[in-house]
Amino acid sequence: MSTILPVAQRGEAILTLIAAHVAESEFNSTWLNGLADAMQATMLERNGVGIAAPQVYVSKRIIIVASRANPRYPDAPEMDAIVMVNPEILEKSEQTILGEEGCLSVPNERGEVARAEMVKVRYFTLEGEKFETEFHGFPARIVQHEVDHLDGVLFVERL
């Protein structure tokens, strides 16, 4: 059974920091894999569709993007969860979409945020394999929301 971690709340300093890159030596480590498992369990426990390491008090550039329908996002499309280490948005579409967002670190508050419809992201797997993938629509929104966390930005600052 994976550990459920406490989630940092708005106003806590960890959420305002720019997270550090995961070092090459940390790839495929017990520590990194354990953190990813605990982040995933925490996200599922709280009906999240994404989570960033700073939200669980680890200031490292790790996010999970996991769009799926749940009580908080009943219309979310289904996708396999993707753990992204050191994600970097390479491109964003000019076209933006307004959509409702919430955040595990800002409970009971939601707002309409304009996000790029498409993002192209470069990231590494937990094992250190490099990928470049395009995301559209809701999954693209999750990527942008979670990458914001890595840069110390909460969605409420974009309202």
C-alpha atoms as a PDB file:
ATOM      1  CA  MET A   1       0.000   0.000   0.000  1.00  0.00           C
ATOM      2  CA  SER A   2       1.433   3.345  -1.031  1.00  0.00           C
ATOM      3  CA  THR A   3       1.789   6.174   1.419  1.00  0.00           C
ATOM      4  CA  ILE A   4      -0.707   9.028   1.277  1.00  0.00           C
ATOM      5  CA  LEU A   5       1.251  12.252   1.732  1.00  0.00           C
ATOM      6  CA  PRO A   6       0.109  15.534   3.297  1.00  0.00           C
ATOM      7  CA  VAL A   7      -0.667  18.214   0.714  1.00  0.00           C
ATOM      8  CA  ALA A   8       0.760  21.734   1.075  1.00  0.00           C
ATOM      9  CA  GLN A   9      -1.892  24.452   1.185  1.00  0.00           C
ATOM     10  CA  ARG A  10      -1.990  27.931  -0.318  1.00  0.00           C
ATOM     11  CA  GLY A  11       0.116  30.315   1.765  1.00  0.00           C
ATOM     12  CA  GLU A  12       2.845  27.741   2.473  1.00  0.00           C
ATOM     13  CA  ALA A  13       6.296  28.776   1.246  1.00  0.00           C
ATOM     14  CA  ILE A  14       7.037  25.493  -0.587  1.00  0.00           C
ATOM     15  CA  LEU A  15       4.342  26.398  -3.136  1.00  0.00           C
ATOM     16  CA  THR A  16       6.090  29.657  -4.052  1.00  0.00           C
ATOM     17  CA  LEU A  17       9.517  28.187  -4.816  1.00  0.00           C
ATOM     18  CA  ILE A  18      10.996  27.266  -8.163  1.00  0.00           C
ATOM     19  CA  ALA A  19      11.538  23.526  -7.834  1.00  0.00           C
ATOM     20  CA  ALA A  20      14.969  21.999  -8.417  1.00  0.00           C
ATOM     21  CA  HIS A  21      15.719  19.684 -11.321  1.00  0.00           C
ATOM     22  CA  VAL A  22      15.971  15.980 -10.589  1.00  0.00           C
ATOM     23  CA  ALA A  23      19.655  15.046 -10.989  1.00  0.00           C
ATOM     24  CA  GLU A  24      20.757  12.293 -13.349  1.00  0.00           C
ATOM     25  CA  SER A  25      22.007  10.286 -10.372  1.00  0.00           C
ATOM     26  CA  GLU A  26      18.454  10.256  -8.950  1.00  0.00           C
ATOM     27  CA  PHE A  27      16.845   8.558 -11.961  1.00  0.00           C
ATOM     28  CA  ASN A  28      15.647   5.015 -11.321  1.00  0.00           C
ATOM     29  CA  SER A  29      16.415   5.390  -7.607  1.00  0.00           C
ATOM     30  CA  THR A  30      14.315   3.828  -4.858  1.00  0.00           C
ATOM     31  CA  TRP A  31      13.748   7.352  -3.544  1.00  0.00           C
ATOM     32  CA  LEU A  32      12.376   8.704  -6.836  1.00  0.00           C
ATOM     33  CA  ASN A  33      10.196   5.672  -7.551  1.00  0.00           C
ATOM     34  CA  GLY A  34       8.834   5.740  -3.992  1.00  0.00           C
ATOM     35  CA  LEU A  35       8.023   9.440  -4.278  1.00  0.00           C
ATOM     36  CA  ALA A  36       6.203   8.886  -7.586  1.00  0.00           C
ATOM     37  CA  ASP A  37       4.158   6.037  -6.065  1.00  0.00           C
ATOM     38  CA  ALA A  38       3.229   8.145  -3.035  1.00  0.00           C
ATOM     39  CA  MET A  39       2.336  11.148  -5.253  1.00  0.00           C
ATOM     40  CA  GLN A  40       0.087   8.917  -7.371  1.00  0.00           C
ATOM     41  CA  ALA A  41      -1.633   7.443  -4.289  1.00  0.00           C
ATOM     42  CA  THR A  42      -2.128  10.925  -2.802  1.00  0.00           C
ATOM     43  CA  MET A  43      -3.569  12.263  -6.070  1.00  0.00           C
ATOM     44  CA  LEU A  44      -6.005   9.333  -6.395  1.00  0.00           C
ATOM     45  CA  GLU A  45      -7.036   9.559  -2.734  1.00  0.00           C
ATOM     46  CA  ARG A  46      -8.025  13.212  -3.271  1.00  0.00           C
ATOM     47  CA  ASN A  47      -9.633  12.800  -6.702  1.00  0.00           C
ATOM     48  CA  GLY A  48      -6.933  14.809  -8.422  1.00  0.00           C
ATOM     49  CA  VAL A  49      -6.143  14.597 -12.147  1.00  0.00           C
ATOM     50  CA  GLY A  50      -2.583  15.760 -11.617  1.00  0.00           C
ATOM     51  CA  ILE A  51      -0.088  16.494  -8.878  1.00  0.00           C
ATOM     52  CA  ALA A  52       3.295  18.162  -8.566  1.00  0.00           C
ATOM     53  CA  ALA A  53       6.036  17.229  -6.098  1.00  0.00           C
ATOM     54  CA  PRO A  54       6.024  20.670  -4.379  1.00  0.00           C
ATOM     55  CA  GLN A  55       2.414  19.940  -3.346  1.00  0.00           C
ATOM     56  CA  VAL A  56       3.718  17.065  -1.201  1.00  0.00           C
ATOM     57  CA  TYR A  57       6.576  19.139   0.249  1.00  0.00           C
ATOM     58  CA  VAL A  58       9.275  17.995  -2.196  1.00  0.00           C
ATOM     59  CA  SER A  59      10.718  20.903  -4.167  1.00  0.00           C
ATOM     60  CA  LYS A  60      11.682  18.843  -7.227  1.00  0.00           C
ATOM     61  CA  ARG A  61      10.524  19.015 -10.852  1.00  0.00           C
ATOM     62  CA  ILE A  62       8.220  15.983 -10.907  1.00  0.00           C
ATOM     63  CA  ILE A  63       4.581  15.979 -11.968  1.00  0.00           C
ATOM     64  CA  ILE A  64       1.937  13.370 -12.678  1.00  0.00           C
ATOM     65  CA  VAL A  65      -0.662  13.996 -15.374  1.00  0.00           C
ATOM     66  CA  ALA A  66      -3.602  11.624 -15.047  1.00  0.00           C
ATOM     67  CA  SER A  67      -6.805  12.819 -16.648  1.00  0.00           C
ATOM     68  CA  ARG A  68      -9.808  10.669 -15.769  1.00  0.00           C
ATOM     69  CA  ALA A  69     -13.420  11.228 -14.836  1.00  0.00           C
ATOM     70  CA  ASN A  70     -13.938  11.618 -11.088  1.00  0.00           C
ATOM     71  CA  PRO A  71     -16.232  13.571  -8.738  1.00  0.00           C
ATOM     72  CA  ARG A  72     -14.137  16.745  -9.171  1.00  0.00           C
ATOM     73  CA  TYR A  73     -13.864  16.451 -12.985  1.00  0.00           C
ATOM     74  CA  PRO A  74     -16.799  14.326 -14.203  1.00  0.00           C
ATOM     75  CA  ASP A  75     -16.134  15.031 -17.901  1.00  0.00           C
ATOM     76  CA  ALA A  76     -12.370  14.522 -17.919  1.00  0.00           C
ATOM     77  CA  PRO A  77     -11.086  12.259 -20.708  1.00  0.00           C
ATOM     78  CA  GLU A  78      -9.431   8.969 -19.698  1.00  0.00           C
ATOM     79  CA  MET A  79      -5.680   8.592 -20.104  1.00  0.00           C
ATOM     80  CA  ASP A  80      -2.940   6.525 -18.520  1.00  0.00           C
ATOM     81  CA  ALA A  81      -1.151   8.420 -15.777  1.00  0.00           C
ATOM     82  CA  ILE A  82       2.195   9.817 -16.916  1.00  0.00           C
ATOM     83  CA  VAL A  83       4.961  10.632 -14.462  1.00  0.00           C
ATOM     84  CA  MET A  84       7.072  13.464 -15.895  1.00  0.00           C
ATOM     85  CA  VAL A  85      10.475  14.253 -14.472  1.00  0.00           C
ATOM     86  CA  ASN A  86      11.980  17.657 -15.336  1.00  0.00           C
ATOM     87  CA  PRO A  87       9.109  18.514 -17.713  1.00  0.00           C
ATOM     88  CA  GLU A  88       9.626  21.443 -20.027  1.00  0.00           C
ATOM     89  CA  ILE A  89       6.966  23.049 -22.208  1.00  0.00           C
ATOM     90  CA  LEU A  90       8.591  23.522 -25.617  1.00  0.00           C
ATOM     91  CA  GLU A  91       5.602  24.918 -27.501  1.00  0.00           C
ATOM     92  CA  LYS A  92       2.121  26.237 -26.751  1.00  0.00           C
ATOM     93  CA  SER A  93      -0.669  26.806 -29.253  1.00  0.00           C
ATOM     94  CA  GLU A  94      -1.806  30.372 -29.885  1.00  0.00           C
ATOM     95  CA  GLN A  95      -5.353  29.126 -29.314  1.00  0.00           C
ATOM     96  CA  THR A  96      -6.429  29.166 -25.686  1.00  0.00           C
ATOM     97  CA  ILE A  97      -9.400  27.584 -23.990  1.00  0.00           C
ATOM     98  CA  LEU A  98     -11.133  28.838 -20.874  1.00  0.00           C
ATOM     99  CA  GLY A  99     -11.766  26.006 -18.440  1.00  0.00           C
ATOM    100  CA  GLU A 100     -12.546  25.437 -14.805  1.00  0.00           C
ATOM    101  CA  GLU A 101      -9.640  24.477 -12.579  1.00  0.00           C
ATOM    102  CA  GLY A 102      -9.285  23.500  -8.986  1.00  0.00           C
ATOM    103  CA  CYS A 103      -6.221  22.494  -6.999  1.00  0.00           C
ATOM    104  CA  LEU A 104      -5.473  20.088  -4.177  1.00  0.00           C
ATOM    105  CA  SER A 105      -3.511  22.942  -2.559  1.00  0.00           C
ATOM    106  CA  VAL A 106      -6.431  25.393  -2.842  1.00  0.00           C
ATOM    107  CA  PRO A 107      -9.394  23.345  -1.582  1.00  0.00           C
ATOM    108  CA  ASN A 108     -12.982  24.387  -2.264  1.00  0.00           C
ATOM    109  CA  GLU A 109     -11.979  27.077  -4.702  1.00  0.00           C
ATOM    110  CA  ARG A 110     -12.300  26.843  -8.469  1.00  0.00           C
ATOM    111  CA  GLY A 111     -11.927  29.320 -11.265  1.00  0.00           C
ATOM    112  CA  GLU A 112     -11.915  29.754 -15.023  1.00  0.00           C
ATOM    113  CA  VAL A 113      -8.350  29.812 -16.369  1.00  0.00           C
ATOM    114  CA  ALA A 114      -7.306  30.425 -19.981  1.00  0.00           C
ATOM    115  CA  ARG A 115      -4.720  27.835 -21.054  1.00  0.00           C
ATOM    116  CA  ALA A 116      -3.144  26.905 -24.380  1.00  0.00           C
ATOM    117  CA  GLU A 117      -5.203  24.241 -26.186  1.00  0.00           C
ATOM    118  CA  MET A 118      -2.007  22.352 -27.118  1.00  0.00           C
ATOM    119  CA  VAL A 119       1.359  22.010 -25.443  1.00  0.00           C
ATOM    120  CA  LYS A 120       4.422  20.140 -26.583  1.00  0.00           C
ATOM    121  CA  VAL A 121       6.356  18.818 -23.596  1.00  0.00           C
ATOM    122  CA  ARG A 122       9.786  17.286 -23.194  1.00  0.00           C
ATOM    123  CA  TYR A 123      10.187  15.183 -20.080  1.00  0.00           C
ATOM    124  CA  PHE A 124      12.024  12.195 -18.669  1.00  0.00           C
ATOM    125  CA  THR A 125      10.590   8.980 -17.266  1.00  0.00           C
ATOM    126  CA  LEU A 126      11.537   7.759 -13.787  1.00  0.00           C
ATOM    127  CA  GLU A 127      14.193   5.628 -15.506  1.00  0.00           C
ATOM    128  CA  GLY A 128      15.643   8.660 -17.304  1.00  0.00           C
ATOM    129  CA  GLU A 129      14.269   8.004 -20.788  1.00  0.00           C
ATOM    130  CA  LYS A 130      13.516  11.202 -22.732  1.00  0.00           C
ATOM    131  CA  PHE A 131      10.146  11.816 -24.413  1.00  0.00           C
ATOM    132  CA  GLU A 132       8.503  14.619 -26.376  1.00  0.00           C
ATOM    133  CA  THR A 133       4.731  14.513 -26.515  1.00  0.00           C
ATOM    134  CA  GLU A 134       1.894  16.814 -27.523  1.00  0.00           C
ATOM    135  CA  PHE A 135      -1.147  17.161 -25.302  1.00  0.00           C
ATOM    136  CA  HIS A 136      -4.443  18.754 -26.302  1.00  0.00           C
ATOM    137  CA  GLY A 137      -7.483  20.003 -24.422  1.00  0.00           C
ATOM    138  CA  PHE A 138      -7.906  18.926 -20.809  1.00  0.00           C
ATOM    139  CA  PRO A 139      -4.640  16.929 -20.527  1.00  0.00           C
ATOM    140  CA  ALA A 140      -2.785  20.009 -21.897  1.00  0.00           C
ATOM    141  CA  ARG A 141      -4.482  22.082 -19.169  1.00  0.00           C
ATOM    142  CA  ILE A 142      -3.270  19.635 -16.501  1.00  0.00           C
ATOM    143  CA  VAL A 143       0.317  19.814 -17.815  1.00  0.00           C
ATOM    144  CA  GLN A 144       0.281  23.628 -17.696  1.00  0.00           C
ATOM    145  CA  HIS A 145      -1.289  23.684 -14.216  1.00  0.00           C
ATOM    146  CA  GLU A 146       1.269  21.222 -12.815  1.00  0.00           C
ATOM    147  CA  VAL A 147       4.276  22.879 -14.500  1.00  0.00           C
ATOM    148  CA  ASP A 148       3.082  26.146 -12.912  1.00  0.00           C
ATOM    149  CA  HIS A 149       3.485  24.452  -9.521  1.00  0.00           C
ATOM    150  CA  LEU A 150       7.124  23.729 -10.381  1.00  0.00           C
ATOM    151  CA  ASP A 151       7.573  27.448 -10.998  1.00  0.00           C
ATOM    152  CA  GLY A 152       5.849  28.513  -7.774  1.00  0.00           C
ATOM    153  CA  VAL A 153       2.586  29.624  -9.407  1.00  0.00           C
ATOM    154  CA  LEU A 154      -0.913  28.650  -8.218  1.00  0.00           C
ATOM    155  CA  PHE A 155      -3.878  28.737 -10.608  1.00  0.00           C
ATOM    156  CA  VAL A 156      -5.573  31.450  -8.508  1.00  0.00           C
ATOM    157  CA  GLU A 157      -2.781  33.807  -9.607  1.00  0.00           C
ATOM    158  CA  ARG A 158      -3.962  33.330 -13.221  1.00  0.00           C
ATOM    159  CA  LEU A 159      -7.612  34.247 -12.588  1.00  0.00           C
END
